[in-house]
Structure formats: C-alpha cells, structure tokens
Protein backbone atom coordinates (compact mmCIF):
# COMPACT_ATOMS: atom_id res chain seq x y z
CA MET A 1 0.01 -0.02 0.19
CA THR A 2 1.36 3.30 -0.94
CA LEU A 3 0.09 7.07 0.39
CA THR A 4 -2.06 8.60 -1.78
CA SER A 5 -0.40 12.29 -2.57
CA GLU A 6 -2.88 15.28 -2.43
CA HIS A 7 -1.49 16.23 -5.63
CA LYS A 8 -3.07 12.57 -7.40
CA ILE A 9 -6.22 12.72 -6.27
CA ASP A 10 -10.18 12.63 -7.75
CA ASP A 11 -12.43 15.43 -7.17
CA CYS A 12 -14.29 13.05 -4.35
CA VAL A 13 -11.29 12.37 -2.50
CA GLY A 14 -10.05 15.74 -2.83
CA GLY A 15 -13.46 17.35 -1.02
CA ILE A 16 -13.02 15.03 1.60
CA TYR A 17 -9.42 15.96 2.09
CA GLU A 18 -10.27 19.40 2.38
CA ASP A 19 -12.82 18.95 4.89
CA ILE A 20 -10.75 16.91 6.78
CA LYS A 21 -8.14 19.60 6.76
CA ALA A 22 -11.21 22.40 8.03
CA THR A 23 -12.34 19.93 10.72
CA LEU A 24 -9.16 19.20 12.03
CA ARG A 25 -7.60 22.68 11.79
CA VAL A 26 -4.18 21.43 9.86
CA SER A 27 -2.72 22.01 6.97
CA ILE A 28 -2.02 18.66 5.74
CA VAL A 29 -3.56 15.39 5.33
CA PRO A 30 -3.11 12.94 8.39
CA LEU A 31 -1.27 9.29 7.80
CA PRO A 32 -4.95 7.65 8.71
CA PHE A 33 -6.82 9.50 6.05
CA ARG A 34 -4.03 8.99 3.50
CA LEU A 35 -4.00 5.40 3.82
CA TRP A 36 -7.89 5.27 3.99
CA SER A 37 -8.05 6.95 1.05
CA GLN A 38 -6.91 3.77 -1.08
CA ASN A 39 -10.44 3.34 -1.37
CA PRO A 40 -12.42 6.28 -1.83
CA ARG A 41 -15.36 4.67 -0.44
CA LEU A 42 -13.77 3.85 2.84
CA LEU A 43 -12.33 7.31 3.36
CA GLU A 44 -16.06 8.42 2.47
CA LEU A 45 -18.02 6.18 4.66
CA LEU A 46 -15.55 6.47 7.84
CA TRP A 47 -15.20 10.67 7.58
CA SER A 48 -18.82 11.00 7.33
CA ARG A 49 -19.38 9.05 11.11
CA LEU A 50 -16.03 10.85 12.52
CA ARG A 51 -17.31 14.05 11.26
CA SER A 52 -19.44 15.13 13.85
CA ASN A 53 -17.42 14.46 16.91
CA LEU A 54 -14.01 15.78 15.67
CA GLU A 55 -16.45 19.61 15.29
CA THR A 56 -16.78 19.59 19.17
CA ARG A 57 -14.90 21.41 21.84
CA TYR A 58 -14.90 18.04 23.35
CA ILE A 59 -12.30 16.41 20.96
CA GLU A 60 -10.09 19.32 21.44
CA CYS A 61 -10.16 19.60 24.94
CA ALA A 62 -9.64 15.67 25.22
CA ALA A 63 -6.54 16.39 22.81
CA ASP A 64 -5.33 19.00 24.80
CA ARG A 65 -5.24 16.86 27.99
CA ILE A 66 -3.37 13.62 25.93
CA ARG A 67 -0.81 16.27 24.75
CA LYS A 68 -0.20 17.64 28.12
CA GLN A 69 -0.09 13.81 29.66
CA ALA A 70 2.78 13.07 27.15
CA ALA A 71 4.68 15.96 27.40
CA GLN A 72 4.87 15.60 31.27
CA MET A 73 5.52 12.54 30.98
CA VAL A 74 8.64 12.81 28.97
CA SER A 75 9.60 15.83 30.50
CA ASN A 76 10.33 13.51 33.57
CA HIS A 77 12.95 11.41 31.02
CA ARG A 78 14.97 14.18 29.38
CA VAL A 79 14.48 12.33 26.46
CA ALA A 80 15.71 14.97 23.83
CA HIS A 81 18.34 18.09 24.55
CA ARG A 82 17.93 21.20 23.37
CA VAL A 83 19.19 21.61 19.90
CA ASP A 84 21.30 25.31 19.76
CA THR A 85 22.43 27.04 16.73
CA ASP A 86 25.87 26.16 17.26
CA GLU A 87 24.89 22.58 16.27
CA ILE A 88 22.57 23.24 13.51
CA SER A 89 20.89 26.81 12.00
CA LEU A 90 18.58 28.84 13.26
CA PHE A 91 16.34 27.99 9.81
CA THR A 92 16.96 24.55 10.28
CA ILE A 93 15.14 24.90 13.42
CA GLN A 94 12.42 27.13 12.55
CA LYS A 95 11.40 24.63 10.06
CA SER A 96 11.62 21.80 12.24
CA ARG A 97 9.90 23.60 15.22
CA VAL A 98 6.92 23.83 12.40
CA VAL A 99 6.85 20.24 11.74
CA ILE A 100 6.92 19.41 15.15
CA ASP A 101 3.95 22.32 16.44
CA ILE A 102 1.94 20.71 13.45
CA HIS A 103 1.81 17.06 14.54
CA HIS A 104 2.27 17.80 18.39
CA TYR A 105 -1.44 19.77 17.75
CA ILE A 106 -2.80 16.95 15.35
CA ASN A 107 -1.20 13.46 16.81
CA PRO A 108 -3.81 13.39 20.20
CA LYS A 109 -6.91 13.91 17.59
CA LEU A 110 -5.99 11.11 15.71
CA LEU A 111 -5.49 8.74 18.48
CA LEU A 112 -8.83 9.61 19.31
CA ILE A 113 -10.05 8.75 15.68
CA VAL A 114 -8.65 5.62 15.35
CA THR A 115 -9.46 4.32 19.04
CA SER A 116 -13.11 5.42 18.76
CA LEU A 117 -13.32 3.59 15.64
CA VAL A 118 -11.89 0.60 17.03
CA LYS A 119 -14.13 0.72 20.18
CA THR A 120 -17.26 1.21 17.97
CA LEU A 121 -16.11 -2.00 15.92
CA GLN A 122 -14.92 -3.85 18.77
CA ARG A 123 -19.13 -2.85 19.97
CA ASP A 124 -17.51 -1.04 23.02
CA THR A 125 -20.25 0.71 25.24
CA PHE A 126 -20.11 4.34 25.22
CA ASN A 127 -21.25 6.64 28.14
CA PRO A 128 -21.67 9.90 26.08
CA ILE A 129 -21.00 13.57 28.19
CA THR A 130 -23.75 15.37 28.71
CA ASP A 131 -22.08 18.54 29.60
CA PRO A 132 -23.57 20.91 26.86
CA ARG A 133 -20.69 22.97 26.80
CA PHE A 134 -18.04 20.29 25.16
CA CYS A 135 -20.42 19.55 22.31
CA LEU A 136 -20.67 23.19 21.40
CA SER A 137 -18.80 23.45 17.51
CA ILE A 138 -15.56 24.90 17.42
CA PRO A 139 -14.41 26.93 14.42
CA LYS A 140 -13.60 25.10 11.57
CA GLY A 141 -10.58 26.00 9.17
CA ILE A 142 -6.64 26.04 9.58
CA PRO A 143 -5.37 28.50 11.59
CA THR A 144 -3.59 31.37 9.80
CA GLU A 145 -0.29 30.83 11.60
CA MET A 146 -0.22 27.43 10.66
CA PRO A 147 1.87 27.24 7.40
CA THR A 148 1.51 24.12 4.85
CA ILE A 149 5.01 22.20 5.15
CA PRO A 150 6.58 20.35 2.60
CA LEU A 151 6.47 16.04 2.63
CA LEU A 152 9.50 14.83 0.80
CA GLU A 153 8.52 11.69 -1.35
CA LYS A 154 11.56 8.91 -0.01
CA LEU A 155 12.49 8.36 -3.70
CA TRP A 156 13.91 11.99 -3.43
CA LEU A 157 15.90 11.42 0.15
CA SER A 158 19.46 10.46 0.27
CA HIS A 159 19.80 7.04 0.90
CA ASP A 160 20.83 7.89 4.62
CA LYS A 161 17.17 9.64 5.05
CA ARG A 162 16.10 6.65 3.36
CA ARG A 163 17.56 4.29 6.40
CA VAL A 164 16.47 6.42 9.22
CA LEU A 165 13.08 6.68 7.84
CA LYS A 166 13.20 2.59 7.27
CA GLU A 167 14.48 2.10 11.15
CA ILE A 168 11.76 4.63 12.67
CA GLN A 169 8.90 3.01 10.51
CA LYS A 170 10.26 -0.56 11.78
CA ALA A 171 10.47 1.12 15.41
CA LEU A 172 6.80 2.21 15.53
CA ALA A 173 5.64 -0.58 13.53
CA LEU A 174 3.89 2.13 10.88
CA PRO A 175 2.13 0.83 7.90
CA LYS A 176 3.70 3.77 6.32
CA ILE A 177 6.41 6.69 6.75
CA SER A 178 4.23 8.94 9.12
CA THR A 179 3.93 12.82 7.76
CA GLU A 180 5.89 14.19 10.46
CA TYR A 181 9.34 12.34 10.09
CA LEU A 182 8.79 12.93 5.74
CA GLY A 183 8.77 16.75 6.92
CA LEU A 184 11.41 16.41 8.95
CA ALA A 185 13.43 15.00 6.33
CA TYR A 186 13.06 18.12 4.51
CA CYS A 187 14.95 20.30 7.53
CA GLY A 188 18.48 19.61 7.02
CA GLY A 189 19.95 17.33 9.38
CA TYR A 190 17.31 17.37 12.02
CA LEU A 191 15.69 14.14 11.20
CA GLU A 192 18.53 12.60 12.06
CA ARG A 193 19.45 14.01 15.26
CA ALA A 194 16.02 13.75 16.70
CA TRP A 195 16.29 10.02 15.93
CA ALA A 196 19.73 9.23 16.97
CA GLU A 197 18.16 10.18 20.96
CA LEU A 198 14.59 9.21 20.18
CA LYS A 199 15.52 5.69 19.09
CA SER A 200 17.35 4.63 22.00
CA PHE A 201 14.45 6.07 24.31
CA THR A 202 12.07 4.09 22.09
CA ARG A 203 13.88 0.45 23.09
CA THR A 204 13.31 1.42 26.71
CA ASN A 205 10.75 -0.55 29.38
CA THR A 206 9.83 2.83 29.90
CA TYR A 207 8.51 3.61 26.78
CA SER A 208 6.12 0.74 26.73
CA GLU A 209 5.00 2.02 29.94
CA LEU A 210 4.37 5.30 28.97
CA THR A 211 2.96 4.34 25.59
CA GLU A 212 0.77 1.89 27.00
CA HIS A 213 -0.51 4.67 29.47
CA LEU A 214 -1.59 6.74 26.53
CA GLN A 215 -3.33 4.00 24.93
CA LEU A 216 -5.67 3.52 28.54
CA LEU A 217 -6.13 7.64 28.45
CA ALA A 218 -7.32 8.09 24.73
CA ARG A 219 -9.81 4.62 25.56
CA THR A 220 -11.42 6.29 28.57
CA LEU A 221 -11.62 9.83 26.79
CA VAL A 222 -13.32 8.05 23.54
CA HIS A 223 -16.11 6.52 25.79
CA GLY A 224 -16.86 9.87 26.62
CA LEU A 225 -17.48 11.48 23.24
CA PRO A 226 -20.66 13.02 22.33
CA PHE A 227 -22.08 11.28 19.64
CA SER A 228 -22.15 7.84 18.36
CA LEU A 229 -20.53 6.53 15.68
CA ASN A 230 -23.26 4.50 14.58
CA ILE A 231 -21.24 2.07 12.27
CA GLY A 232 -21.59 -1.65 11.65
CA TRP A 233 -19.25 -4.08 10.68
CA ASP A 234 -22.38 -5.03 7.62
CA GLU A 235 -21.74 -1.45 6.35
CA PHE A 236 -18.38 -2.37 4.90
CA THR A 237 -19.65 -5.22 2.75
CA SER A 238 -21.11 -2.60 0.63
CA ILE A 239 -17.79 -0.49 -0.40
CA GLY A 240 -16.40 -4.67 -1.08
CA MET A 241 -14.78 -5.03 2.27
CA SER A 242 -15.34 -7.05 5.29
CA GLY A 243 -15.08 -5.32 9.27
CA LEU A 244 -12.23 -7.55 9.98
CA GLU A 245 -10.47 -6.25 7.11
CA VAL A 246 -11.52 -2.95 8.53
CA LEU A 247 -10.47 -3.12 12.14
CA ASN A 248 -6.67 -4.85 10.90
CA ARG A 249 -6.13 -1.53 8.92
CA ILE A 250 -6.88 0.58 11.62
CA MET A 251 -5.31 -1.08 15.16
CA PRO A 252 -1.79 -0.66 13.32
CA LEU A 253 -2.51 3.14 13.94
CA GLN A 254 -3.86 2.77 17.16
CA ASN A 255 -0.77 0.98 18.46
CA ALA A 256 1.39 3.48 16.57
CA LEU A 257 0.37 6.70 17.10
CA PRO A 258 1.21 6.55 21.10
CA GLY A 259 4.72 6.60 19.99
CA LEU A 260 4.52 9.39 17.77
CA ILE A 261 2.67 11.74 20.60
CA LEU A 262 5.47 10.61 22.97
CA HIS A 263 8.12 11.56 19.77
CA MET A 264 7.21 14.86 19.13
CA ALA A 265 6.60 15.64 22.60
CA ALA A 266 10.07 14.73 23.55
CA LEU A 267 11.08 16.99 20.52
CA LYS A 268 9.21 20.01 21.48
CA VAL A 269 9.96 19.44 25.09
CA GLY A 270 13.92 19.29 24.38
CA MET A 271 13.02 22.13 21.68
CA ASP A 272 11.04 24.85 23.53
CA GLY A 273 10.31 23.00 27.40
CA VAL A 274 7.83 21.46 29.31
CA GLU A 275 5.63 24.56 29.88
CA LYS A 276 4.81 25.35 26.23
CA ALA A 277 4.80 21.52 25.26
CA SER A 278 2.03 21.05 27.57
CA GLN A 279 -0.11 23.41 25.98
CA SER A 280 -1.79 23.36 22.45
CA PRO A 281 0.13 24.71 19.86
CA TYR A 282 -3.13 26.17 18.00
CA PRO A 283 -5.18 26.60 20.60
CA ILE A 284 -8.97 27.49 20.39
C-alpha cells in the first residue's frame, strides 16, 4: 500500500481532504486518512461517521489532555536535549519547529479518532458526555498561523535519510512512514539528530509503559464522545470490504500513534520546554 498524494487524487477524495483539514484545523492530510483513501469509499464512509465528534469542543479538550500528559511524562526522562544554533542553523530549527508543532497538535486527535473506530467496531459501550459546553462546535478552518509543510517523497531522499526513515517505520510498526518524519526529512540534518536520541528511548521499558498509559487515556476519553459513530460491520460489505479487514487496517495506527505522540512531545520539550509543550500550539 502506498500513500495517496494530495496532488494525485480525484475530485471526490479532494473534497473530503479539504473537509478533513478544515475540521481537524490542520494544514496537511494526516496519515490515517491518506491510507484510507486507497479505497475512496472507505474514506467517505469513515469520515461521514467521524465528522460530528471532530467538530466539537470535546475532541479539542480531550486532545489537549493527551498532549499535556505526554509532554509531562517525557519531561521526566530528558529524552531530547535542546538543539542550539551552534549545532544546527536557526533556519533549520525554525522549519523543524513548524513540523513538530503541527504534529504535536494533530497526533492526539488522530489517536482519539482511531481509538473511537476500534472501540465502535469492537461494540464497546460508550457513555457520552452530557455537559452541553463540550458539545459546542469549534471554529472550522486551518489556523492562519499554521503553514503548509513540504513532505518529501522517499525516492527523492538520500540513502542515509531513507535508512533513518526505514528504522523509524520499523521501530514504531507504522504501515507507512508518517508525515511528521517526511516533514522533518526536509529540515536539513535535524531528522538524524532527533532520531539518534529518540531511538534509544524507544527501546526502553519506560517507553512501553508510557505508550500504554496514553492508550489507556485515549480509551477512557473516547467513551465520553458526545455522538455515537453509528457504524456496523455489515456496512463495509457495500464497499467490498469486511469489518475485520477494516479493523485490521485501523489497529496498527492505534498501536503506533502513542509512540508518535511521545516522539513529538519529547522533541517539543527539548526545543521549547515542558511548559510550552504542555499547551496546544494552536489553541481555540
């Protein structure tokens, strides 16, 4: 399976992509949606059931909670040191910060998205929040201060960068290399420096414990989603898929996203400190 470029899609998927970016308040189409767009009807079905919750304040607040928890956990372990301008250029640091901020913002939302789908397909019981304040809609649209980041195709990269990306993909058991690392590959030598520190952390028992903690937190938070997803296994037969096949496509993302969240949190803490990393880079 290959990722679908935003420049190589039909009009139907293109319209959904634009709605995804506006609803999630992000300037790129994140990895899960790129993968699901391999079957445009699957993307259309999943998005139609996800959208109502993603428009609410609840999802924003839940993502804030995951982001803050991740930043505070990694700050206790000094995962990534601060990168100074005597190590790498200020321009490269600034480009890297943009990539990190966008994914530090969106990845907690993505974990909530895939966890809610898994729990729905597993027929879990939900307990929707009743506080009307959390059911309110958030403003749609990409924040004006959030730029679009370039994502380099792997074929355009040097052998060394492709090797690093392959290591990252294997370490996190990603179906495909994710957009944060394709973005960081564009930022001079920052990718290699960042991964040198994250790699050793990813192999520790502490890392495993922290990813499990984020998984549990996400499962707890999705049980309070304001609206039911209303999707059953039988609905996938109309698009030529089985419910089990869809579930098997989603669960690897659910397993990988806590690690991606910790990685971006660690880099953000190392770059800007735990206080800034505990806050949303693009608050409502």
